[in-house]
Amino acid sequence: MSPANFKFTINHDYCGTGTAGSRRRRSLKRATDALWGTRSPGTGGASAPLVLVLIHSAPDNLAKRNTIRATWGQPEARARLIFLMGAVGSAAAQRAIERESRLHDDIVQGNFVDAYRNMTYKHVMALKWFAYHCPGAQYVLKTDDDVFINTPILYNALQRVVPQRNLLLCQLVTKLSVKRTHRSKWFVSWREYPNRYYPPHCPGYSILYSPDVAWQLYREAQRQPFFWIDDVHITGTVAQQVNVTITPMDGLYLDSEAKSDLLGHRVDASRAVFFFTNPNLSLDEIDRLWEAVRPRR
């Protein structure tokens, strides 16, 4: 399958903010307007979010999705969250995803098998959903379901600055060796990738795009030969093809040591200015980080 021709099997075409119920009512209004030939407000209008948050998730990770919905991803006037996943192997699993989708109005599913080797399809699907359904978003954030995003700090910071262009912001990775051992989950053959090192790229768990960059990468990804490691391919190889330069996220990343200090109350949470954490967080860590940084009313 080419990244250009996969289809959405579950899709929510409304990119505005608010609760699931309010989004569903407005999405229904758009469908009704289209049926009767009237013009609905475009996705680039007043309803477009400051940040479109696109979260890679495995179908079985319901607990992770619910933790995000209850913490850093809870309904916010400045953001729209979408969980992205591929196809599942059983009718029962598909019914469960469809029930979850009806309840939360935040799942987009593609017709490719949800697997490591299909991560690039999922990444391109995220950019496609932005391009077709939410092009008015001022920023696009791609992340994973085992990461903590400090959304109060991130959204406030982005709201204060003039919307950026040509932005690809992340924790820059350089001189990463290609794994050639068959025991590695990330094994890549010389035929798949003939170089010794990957190009400079963004780790896939936290990437902030300006809309122009997201669109350029989506378009160019359909032209380039497929490579299955999505962060290397999209933010490395494809980004180089369209002359997009990565902006390093210096000082805005909470590493494991700083995270332990914050959770151990050795650092005042009000002084912890960061956007993203490392991946592989437990649900308890995400809950505790949210309790530390959430706005107090």
C-alpha atoms as a PDB file:
ATOM      1  CA  MET A   1       0.000   0.000   0.000  1.00  0.00           C
ATOM      2  CA  SER A   2       1.223   3.491  -0.806  1.00  0.00           C
ATOM      3  CA  PRO A   3       0.892   6.279   1.787  1.00  0.00           C
ATOM      4  CA  ALA A   4      -1.074   8.096  -0.900  1.00  0.00           C
ATOM      5  CA  ASN A   5      -3.976   5.653  -1.160  1.00  0.00           C
ATOM      6  CA  PHE A   6      -4.977   4.356   2.284  1.00  0.00           C
ATOM      7  CA  LYS A   7      -8.458   5.242   3.557  1.00  0.00           C
ATOM      8  CA  PHE A   8     -10.016   6.276   6.852  1.00  0.00           C
ATOM      9  CA  THR A   9     -12.286   3.560   8.277  1.00  0.00           C
ATOM     10  CA  ILE A  10     -13.239   5.707  11.292  1.00  0.00           C
ATOM     11  CA  ASN A  11     -13.094   9.452  10.839  1.00  0.00           C
ATOM     12  CA  HIS A  12     -14.303  12.587  12.610  1.00  0.00           C
ATOM     13  CA  ASP A  13     -14.168  15.477  10.180  1.00  0.00           C
ATOM     14  CA  TYR A  14     -14.763  18.259  12.693  1.00  0.00           C
ATOM     15  CA  CYS A  15     -11.556  19.837  13.995  1.00  0.00           C
ATOM     16  CA  GLY A  16     -13.032  22.362  16.419  1.00  0.00           C
ATOM     17  CA  THR A  17     -12.605  22.287  20.157  1.00  0.00           C
ATOM     18  CA  GLY A  18     -14.946  21.518  23.039  1.00  0.00           C
ATOM     19  CA  THR A  19     -16.504  18.418  24.556  1.00  0.00           C
ATOM     20  CA  ALA A  20     -17.311  15.320  22.526  1.00  0.00           C
ATOM     21  CA  GLY A  21     -21.022  16.146  22.583  1.00  0.00           C
ATOM     22  CA  SER A  22     -20.602  19.716  21.378  1.00  0.00           C
ATOM     23  CA  ARG A  23     -18.205  18.631  18.624  1.00  0.00           C
ATOM     24  CA  ARG A  24     -20.654  15.966  17.492  1.00  0.00           C
ATOM     25  CA  ARG A  25     -23.518  18.470  17.273  1.00  0.00           C
ATOM     26  CA  ARG A  26     -21.420  20.886  15.229  1.00  0.00           C
ATOM     27  CA  SER A  27     -20.177  18.084  12.983  1.00  0.00           C
ATOM     28  CA  LEU A  28     -23.814  17.079  12.379  1.00  0.00           C
ATOM     29  CA  LYS A  29     -24.646  20.685  11.492  1.00  0.00           C
ATOM     30  CA  ARG A  30     -21.852  20.724   8.922  1.00  0.00           C
ATOM     31  CA  ALA A  31     -23.190  17.512   7.381  1.00  0.00           C
ATOM     32  CA  THR A  32     -26.717  18.973   7.279  1.00  0.00           C
ATOM     33  CA  ASP A  33     -25.489  22.198   5.691  1.00  0.00           C
ATOM     34  CA  ALA A  34     -23.676  20.204   3.026  1.00  0.00           C
ATOM     35  CA  LEU A  35     -26.792  18.129   2.355  1.00  0.00           C
ATOM     36  CA  TRP A  36     -28.896  21.254   1.759  1.00  0.00           C
ATOM     37  CA  GLY A  37     -26.236  23.078  -0.216  1.00  0.00           C
ATOM     38  CA  THR A  38     -25.466  25.771   2.357  1.00  0.00           C
ATOM     39  CA  ARG A  39     -21.918  26.701   3.232  1.00  0.00           C
ATOM     40  CA  SER A  40     -20.566  25.743   6.641  1.00  0.00           C
ATOM     41  CA  PRO A  41     -17.707  27.675   8.192  1.00  0.00           C
ATOM     42  CA  GLY A  42     -14.406  26.340   6.873  1.00  0.00           C
ATOM     43  CA  THR A  43     -12.027  24.491   9.136  1.00  0.00           C
ATOM     44  CA  GLY A  44      -9.750  27.484   8.968  1.00  0.00           C
ATOM     45  CA  GLY A  45     -12.336  29.741  10.602  1.00  0.00           C
ATOM     46  CA  ALA A  46     -12.980  30.705  14.192  1.00  0.00           C
ATOM     47  CA  SER A  47     -13.491  27.085  15.273  1.00  0.00           C
ATOM     48  CA  ALA A  48      -9.996  25.969  14.222  1.00  0.00           C
ATOM     49  CA  PRO A  49      -7.803  25.132  17.223  1.00  0.00           C
ATOM     50  CA  LEU A  50      -4.557  26.704  18.280  1.00  0.00           C
ATOM     51  CA  VAL A  51      -3.041  23.210  18.417  1.00  0.00           C
ATOM     52  CA  LEU A  52      -4.124  20.029  16.667  1.00  0.00           C
ATOM     53  CA  VAL A  53      -2.761  17.155  18.789  1.00  0.00           C
ATOM     54  CA  LEU A  54      -2.298  13.903  16.858  1.00  0.00           C
ATOM     55  CA  ILE A  55      -1.548  10.930  19.109  1.00  0.00           C
ATOM     56  CA  HIS A  56      -0.275   7.591  17.821  1.00  0.00           C
ATOM     57  CA  SER A  57      -1.999   4.852  19.805  1.00  0.00           C
ATOM     58  CA  ALA A  58      -2.257   1.076  19.578  1.00  0.00           C
ATOM     59  CA  PRO A  59      -5.836  -0.264  19.489  1.00  0.00           C
ATOM     60  CA  ASP A  60      -5.375  -2.165  22.776  1.00  0.00           C
ATOM     61  CA  ASN A  61      -4.182   0.924  24.661  1.00  0.00           C
ATOM     62  CA  LEU A  62      -7.574   2.035  25.978  1.00  0.00           C
ATOM     63  CA  ALA A  63      -6.229   2.707  29.483  1.00  0.00           C
ATOM     64  CA  LYS A  64      -3.539   4.984  28.072  1.00  0.00           C
ATOM     65  CA  ARG A  65      -6.074   6.912  25.994  1.00  0.00           C
ATOM     66  CA  ASN A  66      -8.394   7.316  28.974  1.00  0.00           C
ATOM     67  CA  THR A  67      -5.524   8.542  31.132  1.00  0.00           C
ATOM     68  CA  ILE A  68      -4.653  11.184  28.539  1.00  0.00           C
ATOM     69  CA  ARG A  69      -8.322  12.218  28.255  1.00  0.00           C
ATOM     70  CA  ALA A  70      -8.449  12.699  32.029  1.00  0.00           C
ATOM     71  CA  THR A  71      -5.139  14.559  32.343  1.00  0.00           C
ATOM     72  CA  TRP A  72      -3.168  16.599  29.835  1.00  0.00           C
ATOM     73  CA  GLY A  73      -5.578  15.869  26.973  1.00  0.00           C
ATOM     74  CA  GLN A  74      -8.823  16.830  28.673  1.00  0.00           C
ATOM     75  CA  PRO A  75     -11.161  19.145  26.696  1.00  0.00           C
ATOM     76  CA  GLU A  76      -9.533  22.522  26.162  1.00  0.00           C
ATOM     77  CA  ALA A  77     -10.721  25.512  24.151  1.00  0.00           C
ATOM     78  CA  ARG A  78      -7.380  25.831  22.379  1.00  0.00           C
ATOM     79  CA  ALA A  79      -6.848  22.251  21.252  1.00  0.00           C
ATOM     80  CA  ARG A  80      -8.326  19.310  19.362  1.00  0.00           C
ATOM     81  CA  LEU A  81      -7.035  15.814  20.195  1.00  0.00           C
ATOM     82  CA  ILE A  82      -7.132  12.881  17.804  1.00  0.00           C
ATOM     83  CA  PHE A  83      -5.975   9.321  18.540  1.00  0.00           C
ATOM     84  CA  LEU A  84      -4.708   7.508  15.445  1.00  0.00           C
ATOM     85  CA  MET A  85      -4.706   3.753  14.953  1.00  0.00           C
ATOM     86  CA  GLY A  86      -4.735   1.112  12.264  1.00  0.00           C
ATOM     87  CA  ALA A  87      -6.929  -1.891  11.548  1.00  0.00           C
ATOM     88  CA  VAL A  88      -7.447  -4.683  14.088  1.00  0.00           C
ATOM     89  CA  GLY A  89      -7.691  -8.424  13.605  1.00  0.00           C
ATOM     90  CA  SER A  90     -11.093  -9.252  15.080  1.00  0.00           C
ATOM     91  CA  ALA A  91     -14.662  -8.048  14.771  1.00  0.00           C
ATOM     92  CA  ALA A  92     -14.953  -7.794  18.562  1.00  0.00           C
ATOM     93  CA  ALA A  93     -11.929  -5.499  18.781  1.00  0.00           C
ATOM     94  CA  GLN A  94     -13.310  -3.351  15.976  1.00  0.00           C
ATOM     95  CA  ARG A  95     -16.680  -3.032  17.716  1.00  0.00           C
ATOM     96  CA  ALA A  96     -14.900  -1.923  20.898  1.00  0.00           C
ATOM     97  CA  ILE A  97     -13.022   0.787  18.990  1.00  0.00           C
ATOM     98  CA  GLU A  98     -16.239   1.957  17.344  1.00  0.00           C
ATOM     99  CA  ARG A  99     -17.954   2.201  20.745  1.00  0.00           C
ATOM    100  CA  GLU A 100     -15.027   4.210  22.080  1.00  0.00           C
ATOM    101  CA  SER A 101     -15.164   6.444  19.019  1.00  0.00           C
ATOM    102  CA  ARG A 102     -18.877   7.161  19.481  1.00  0.00           C
ATOM    103  CA  LEU A 103     -18.301   7.974  23.142  1.00  0.00           C
ATOM    104  CA  HIS A 104     -15.317  10.282  22.784  1.00  0.00           C
ATOM    105  CA  ASP A 105     -15.400  11.538  19.177  1.00  0.00           C
ATOM    106  CA  ASP A 106     -11.601  11.512  18.984  1.00  0.00           C
ATOM    107  CA  ILE A 107     -10.488   8.387  17.066  1.00  0.00           C
ATOM    108  CA  VAL A 108      -9.281   8.211  13.480  1.00  0.00           C
ATOM    109  CA  GLN A 109      -8.574   4.755  12.075  1.00  0.00           C
ATOM    110  CA  GLY A 110      -6.878   3.760   8.824  1.00  0.00           C
ATOM    111  CA  ASN A 111      -7.320   0.626   6.733  1.00  0.00           C
ATOM    112  CA  PHE A 112      -3.738  -0.607   7.264  1.00  0.00           C
ATOM    113  CA  VAL A 113      -2.818  -3.168   9.938  1.00  0.00           C
ATOM    114  CA  ASP A 114      -1.739  -1.546  13.202  1.00  0.00           C
ATOM    115  CA  ALA A 115       1.878  -2.749  13.486  1.00  0.00           C
ATOM    116  CA  TYR A 116       5.408  -1.396  13.972  1.00  0.00           C
ATOM    117  CA  ARG A 117       6.190  -1.870  10.301  1.00  0.00           C
ATOM    118  CA  ASN A 118       3.237   0.359   9.423  1.00  0.00           C
ATOM    119  CA  MET A 119       4.179   3.317  11.620  1.00  0.00           C
ATOM    120  CA  THR A 120       4.919   5.475   8.583  1.00  0.00           C
ATOM    121  CA  TYR A 121       1.373   4.915   7.318  1.00  0.00           C
ATOM    122  CA  LYS A 122       0.058   6.132  10.669  1.00  0.00           C
ATOM    123  CA  HIS A 123       2.289   9.217  10.611  1.00  0.00           C
ATOM    124  CA  VAL A 124       1.236  10.107   7.064  1.00  0.00           C
ATOM    125  CA  MET A 125      -2.395   9.501   8.056  1.00  0.00           C
ATOM    126  CA  ALA A 126      -1.956  12.053  10.847  1.00  0.00           C
ATOM    127  CA  LEU A 127      -0.651  14.643   8.391  1.00  0.00           C
ATOM    128  CA  LYS A 128      -3.424  13.763   5.937  1.00  0.00           C
ATOM    129  CA  TRP A 129      -6.094  14.315   8.586  1.00  0.00           C
ATOM    130  CA  PHE A 130      -4.599  17.723   9.323  1.00  0.00           C
ATOM    131  CA  ALA A 131      -4.439  18.624   5.624  1.00  0.00           C
ATOM    132  CA  TYR A 132      -8.009  17.574   4.790  1.00  0.00           C
ATOM    133  CA  HIS A 133      -9.896  18.211   8.024  1.00  0.00           C
ATOM    134  CA  CYS A 134      -8.037  20.775  10.126  1.00  0.00           C
ATOM    135  CA  PRO A 135      -5.822  22.985   7.933  1.00  0.00           C
ATOM    136  CA  GLY A 136      -6.707  26.039  10.005  1.00  0.00           C
ATOM    137  CA  ALA A 137      -4.859  24.780  13.091  1.00  0.00           C
ATOM    138  CA  GLN A 138      -2.022  27.140  13.969  1.00  0.00           C
ATOM    139  CA  TYR A 139       0.234  24.280  15.100  1.00  0.00           C
ATOM    140  CA  VAL A 140       0.285  20.497  14.703  1.00  0.00           C
ATOM    141  CA  LEU A 141       1.652  18.373  17.554  1.00  0.00           C
ATOM    142  CA  LYS A 142       2.432  14.721  16.893  1.00  0.00           C
ATOM    143  CA  THR A 143       3.005  12.557  19.958  1.00  0.00           C
ATOM    144  CA  ASP A 144       2.533   9.054  21.399  1.00  0.00           C
ATOM    145  CA  ASP A 145       0.213   7.673  24.062  1.00  0.00           C
ATOM    146  CA  ASP A 146       2.999   7.033  26.600  1.00  0.00           C
ATOM    147  CA  VAL A 147       4.235  10.648  26.747  1.00  0.00           C
ATOM    148  CA  PHE A 148       3.270  13.552  29.001  1.00  0.00           C
ATOM    149  CA  ILE A 149       2.640  16.914  27.336  1.00  0.00           C
ATOM    150  CA  ASN A 150       2.686  19.932  29.629  1.00  0.00           C
ATOM    151  CA  THR A 151      -0.299  21.429  27.842  1.00  0.00           C
ATOM    152  CA  PRO A 152      -0.880  24.422  30.176  1.00  0.00           C
ATOM    153  CA  ILE A 153       2.667  25.693  29.538  1.00  0.00           C
ATOM    154  CA  LEU A 154       2.733  24.689  25.859  1.00  0.00           C
ATOM    155  CA  TYR A 155      -0.594  26.265  24.920  1.00  0.00           C
ATOM    156  CA  ASN A 156       0.136  29.452  26.852  1.00  0.00           C
ATOM    157  CA  ALA A 157       3.523  29.807  25.158  1.00  0.00           C
ATOM    158  CA  LEU A 158       2.136  29.239  21.659  1.00  0.00           C
ATOM    159  CA  GLN A 159      -0.756  31.606  22.277  1.00  0.00           C
ATOM    160  CA  ARG A 160       1.638  34.434  23.173  1.00  0.00           C
ATOM    161  CA  VAL A 161       3.751  34.319  20.010  1.00  0.00           C
ATOM    162  CA  VAL A 162       2.992  35.185  16.412  1.00  0.00           C
ATOM    163  CA  PRO A 163       2.122  31.941  14.555  1.00  0.00           C
ATOM    164  CA  GLN A 164       5.325  30.476  13.180  1.00  0.00           C
ATOM    165  CA  ARG A 165       6.220  29.268   9.700  1.00  0.00           C
ATOM    166  CA  ASN A 166       8.863  26.752   8.668  1.00  0.00           C
ATOM    167  CA  LEU A 167       8.819  25.227  12.165  1.00  0.00           C
ATOM    168  CA  LEU A 168       9.814  21.647  12.928  1.00  0.00           C
ATOM    169  CA  LEU A 169      10.535  21.628  16.675  1.00  0.00           C
ATOM    170  CA  CYS A 170      11.731  18.571  18.588  1.00  0.00           C
ATOM    171  CA  GLN A 171      14.498  16.959  20.633  1.00  0.00           C
ATOM    172  CA  LEU A 172      16.970  16.647  17.742  1.00  0.00           C
ATOM    173  CA  VAL A 173      18.598  13.238  17.135  1.00  0.00           C
ATOM    174  CA  THR A 174      21.900  13.146  15.219  1.00  0.00           C
ATOM    175  CA  LYS A 175      24.345  10.415  14.171  1.00  0.00           C
ATOM    176  CA  LEU A 176      22.008   7.576  15.127  1.00  0.00           C
ATOM    177  CA  SER A 177      23.411   4.277  13.867  1.00  0.00           C
ATOM    178  CA  VAL A 178      21.208   1.984  11.806  1.00  0.00           C
ATOM    179  CA  LYS A 179      20.524  -1.243  13.729  1.00  0.00           C
ATOM    180  CA  ARG A 180      21.893  -4.220  11.787  1.00  0.00           C
ATOM    181  CA  THR A 181      21.488  -6.967  14.387  1.00  0.00           C
ATOM    182  CA  HIS A 182      18.559  -9.294  13.755  1.00  0.00           C
ATOM    183  CA  ARG A 183      17.803  -9.372  17.494  1.00  0.00           C
ATOM    184  CA  SER A 184      16.805  -5.708  17.509  1.00  0.00           C
ATOM    185  CA  LYS A 185      13.191  -4.652  17.107  1.00  0.00           C
ATOM    186  CA  TRP A 186      14.587  -1.842  14.950  1.00  0.00           C
ATOM    187  CA  PHE A 187      16.624  -4.108  12.648  1.00  0.00           C
ATOM    188  CA  VAL A 188      16.985  -2.603   9.176  1.00  0.00           C
ATOM    189  CA  SER A 189      18.676  -4.405   6.295  1.00  0.00           C
ATOM    190  CA  TRP A 190      21.216  -2.775   3.981  1.00  0.00           C
ATOM    191  CA  ARG A 191      18.673  -3.103   1.191  1.00  0.00           C
ATOM    192  CA  GLU A 192      16.071  -1.165   3.195  1.00  0.00           C
ATOM    193  CA  TYR A 193      18.501   1.584   4.182  1.00  0.00           C
ATOM    194  CA  PRO A 194      22.017   1.597   2.665  1.00  0.00           C
ATOM    195  CA  ASN A 195      23.668   4.233   4.887  1.00  0.00           C
ATOM    196  CA  ARG A 196      25.453   3.689   8.198  1.00  0.00           C
ATOM    197  CA  TYR A 197      23.685   6.535   9.999  1.00  0.00           C
ATOM    198  CA  TYR A 198      20.210   7.969   9.832  1.00  0.00           C
ATOM    199  CA  PRO A 199      19.847  11.643   8.918  1.00  0.00           C
ATOM    200  CA  PRO A 200      19.205  14.193  11.679  1.00  0.00           C
ATOM    201  CA  HIS A 201      15.587  13.703  12.683  1.00  0.00           C
ATOM    202  CA  CYS A 202      12.955  14.093  15.391  1.00  0.00           C
ATOM    203  CA  PRO A 203      12.062  11.262  17.778  1.00  0.00           C
ATOM    204  CA  GLY A 204       8.447  10.490  17.016  1.00  0.00           C
ATOM    205  CA  TYR A 205       7.114  10.898  20.539  1.00  0.00           C
ATOM    206  CA  SER A 206       7.047  14.727  20.436  1.00  0.00           C
ATOM    207  CA  ILE A 207       7.144  16.832  17.269  1.00  0.00           C
ATOM    208  CA  LEU A 208       5.684  20.306  16.801  1.00  0.00           C
ATOM    209  CA  TYR A 209       4.971  21.364  13.211  1.00  0.00           C
ATOM    210  CA  SER A 210       3.859  24.650  11.761  1.00  0.00           C
ATOM    211  CA  PRO A 211       1.023  24.042   9.254  1.00  0.00           C
ATOM    212  CA  ASP A 212       3.152  24.819   6.194  1.00  0.00           C
ATOM    213  CA  VAL A 213       5.723  22.211   7.220  1.00  0.00           C
ATOM    214  CA  ALA A 214       3.058  19.591   7.997  1.00  0.00           C
ATOM    215  CA  TRP A 215       1.575  20.127   4.535  1.00  0.00           C
ATOM    216  CA  GLN A 216       4.951  19.965   2.762  1.00  0.00           C
ATOM    217  CA  LEU A 217       5.871  16.734   4.534  1.00  0.00           C
ATOM    218  CA  TYR A 218       2.493  15.150   3.795  1.00  0.00           C
ATOM    219  CA  ARG A 219       2.797  15.974   0.111  1.00  0.00           C
ATOM    220  CA  GLU A 220       6.428  14.877  -0.232  1.00  0.00           C
ATOM    221  CA  ALA A 221       5.895  11.630   1.728  1.00  0.00           C
ATOM    222  CA  GLN A 222       3.627  10.431  -1.079  1.00  0.00           C
ATOM    223  CA  ARG A 223       6.472  10.823  -3.579  1.00  0.00           C
ATOM    224  CA  GLN A 224       9.315   9.231  -1.633  1.00  0.00           C
ATOM    225  CA  PRO A 225      10.086   5.490  -1.486  1.00  0.00           C
ATOM    226  CA  PHE A 226       8.530   3.940   1.612  1.00  0.00           C
ATOM    227  CA  PHE A 227      10.618   3.418   4.766  1.00  0.00           C
ATOM    228  CA  TRP A 228       8.941   1.964   7.829  1.00  0.00           C
ATOM    229  CA  ILE A 229      10.623   3.900  10.680  1.00  0.00           C
ATOM    230  CA  ASP A 230       8.357   6.903  10.586  1.00  0.00           C
ATOM    231  CA  ASP A 231      10.303   9.526  12.512  1.00  0.00           C
ATOM    232  CA  VAL A 232      13.475   8.898  10.499  1.00  0.00           C
ATOM    233  CA  HIS A 233      11.533   8.883   7.250  1.00  0.00           C
ATOM    234  CA  ILE A 234       9.185  11.857   7.735  1.00  0.00           C
ATOM    235  CA  THR A 235      11.321  14.254   9.780  1.00  0.00           C
ATOM    236  CA  GLY A 236      14.671  13.101   8.391  1.00  0.00           C
ATOM    237  CA  THR A 237      14.610  11.928   4.784  1.00  0.00           C
ATOM    238  CA  VAL A 238      11.409  13.655   3.673  1.00  0.00           C
ATOM    239  CA  ALA A 239      12.217  16.880   5.558  1.00  0.00           C
ATOM    240  CA  GLN A 240      15.589  17.067   3.819  1.00  0.00           C
ATOM    241  CA  GLN A 241      13.891  16.696   0.436  1.00  0.00           C
ATOM    242  CA  VAL A 242      11.786  19.821   1.061  1.00  0.00           C
ATOM    243  CA  ASN A 243      14.632  21.749   2.761  1.00  0.00           C
ATOM    244  CA  VAL A 244      12.996  21.894   6.183  1.00  0.00           C
ATOM    245  CA  THR A 245      15.469  22.435   9.022  1.00  0.00           C
ATOM    246  CA  ILE A 246      14.796  21.042  12.492  1.00  0.00           C
ATOM    247  CA  THR A 247      14.678  23.529  15.373  1.00  0.00           C
ATOM    248  CA  PRO A 248      16.163  21.825  18.471  1.00  0.00           C
ATOM    249  CA  MET A 249      13.939  21.888  21.540  1.00  0.00           C
ATOM    250  CA  ASP A 250      16.690  23.070  23.872  1.00  0.00           C
ATOM    251  CA  GLY A 251      15.614  23.342  27.492  1.00  0.00           C
ATOM    252  CA  LEU A 252      11.969  22.419  26.856  1.00  0.00           C
ATOM    253  CA  TYR A 253      12.290  18.658  27.381  1.00  0.00           C
ATOM    254  CA  LEU A 254      11.906  17.011  30.800  1.00  0.00           C
ATOM    255  CA  ASP A 255      14.425  14.178  30.949  1.00  0.00           C
ATOM    256  CA  SER A 256      14.195  11.185  33.278  1.00  0.00           C
ATOM    257  CA  GLU A 257      16.295  12.739  36.051  1.00  0.00           C
ATOM    258  CA  ALA A 258      14.316  15.995  36.050  1.00  0.00           C
ATOM    259  CA  LYS A 259      11.068  14.012  35.971  1.00  0.00           C
ATOM    260  CA  SER A 260      12.143  12.061  39.071  1.00  0.00           C
ATOM    261  CA  ASP A 261      13.015  15.305  40.845  1.00  0.00           C
ATOM    262  CA  LEU A 262       9.621  16.777  39.991  1.00  0.00           C
ATOM    263  CA  LEU A 263       7.666  13.707  41.080  1.00  0.00           C
ATOM    264  CA  GLY A 264       9.799  13.407  44.221  1.00  0.00           C
ATOM    265  CA  HIS A 265       8.956  17.019  45.153  1.00  0.00           C
ATOM    266  CA  ARG A 266      12.642  17.993  44.998  1.00  0.00           C
ATOM    267  CA  VAL A 267      11.720  20.669  42.439  1.00  0.00           C
ATOM    268  CA  ASP A 268       8.920  23.225  42.723  1.00  0.00           C
ATOM    269  CA  ALA A 269       6.411  22.370  39.981  1.00  0.00           C
ATOM    270  CA  SER A 270       5.733  26.065  39.371  1.00  0.00           C
ATOM    271  CA  ARG A 271       9.375  26.480  38.327  1.00  0.00           C
ATOM    272  CA  ALA A 272       9.412  23.465  36.005  1.00  0.00           C
ATOM    273  CA  VAL A 273       9.092  24.959  32.536  1.00  0.00           C
ATOM    274  CA  PHE A 274       8.950  22.156  29.964  1.00  0.00           C
ATOM    275  CA  PHE A 275       6.812  21.089  27.020  1.00  0.00           C
ATOM    276  CA  PHE A 276       7.381  17.323  26.715  1.00  0.00           C
ATOM    277  CA  THR A 277       8.749  14.311  28.601  1.00  0.00           C
ATOM    278  CA  ASN A 278      10.540  11.179  27.510  1.00  0.00           C
ATOM    279  CA  PRO A 279       8.325   8.268  26.345  1.00  0.00           C
ATOM    280  CA  ASN A 280       7.453   5.007  28.122  1.00  0.00           C
ATOM    281  CA  LEU A 281       5.762   6.696  31.073  1.00  0.00           C
ATOM    282  CA  SER A 282       3.470   4.644  33.267  1.00  0.00           C
ATOM    283  CA  LEU A 283      -0.145   5.684  33.758  1.00  0.00           C
ATOM    284  CA  ASP A 284       0.692   6.586  37.359  1.00  0.00           C
ATOM    285  CA  GLU A 285       3.523   8.874  36.247  1.00  0.00           C
ATOM    286  CA  ILE A 286       1.226  10.670  33.812  1.00  0.00           C
ATOM    287  CA  ASP A 287      -1.395  11.113  36.555  1.00  0.00           C
ATOM    288  CA  ARG A 288       1.183  12.461  39.009  1.00  0.00           C
ATOM    289  CA  LEU A 289       2.764  14.818  36.488  1.00  0.00           C
ATOM    290  CA  TRP A 290      -0.659  16.243  35.682  1.00  0.00           C
ATOM    291  CA  GLU A 291      -1.402  16.714  39.372  1.00  0.00           C
ATOM    292  CA  ALA A 292       1.887  18.610  39.686  1.00  0.00           C
ATOM    293  CA  VAL A 293       1.411  21.009  36.755  1.00  0.00           C
ATOM    294  CA  ARG A 294      -2.351  21.318  36.261  1.00  0.00           C
ATOM    295  CA  PRO A 295      -3.858  24.798  36.655  1.00  0.00           C
ATOM    296  CA  ARG A 296      -5.427  25.447  40.048  1.00  0.00           C
ATOM    297  CA  ARG A 297      -8.736  27.292  39.969  1.00  0.00           C
END
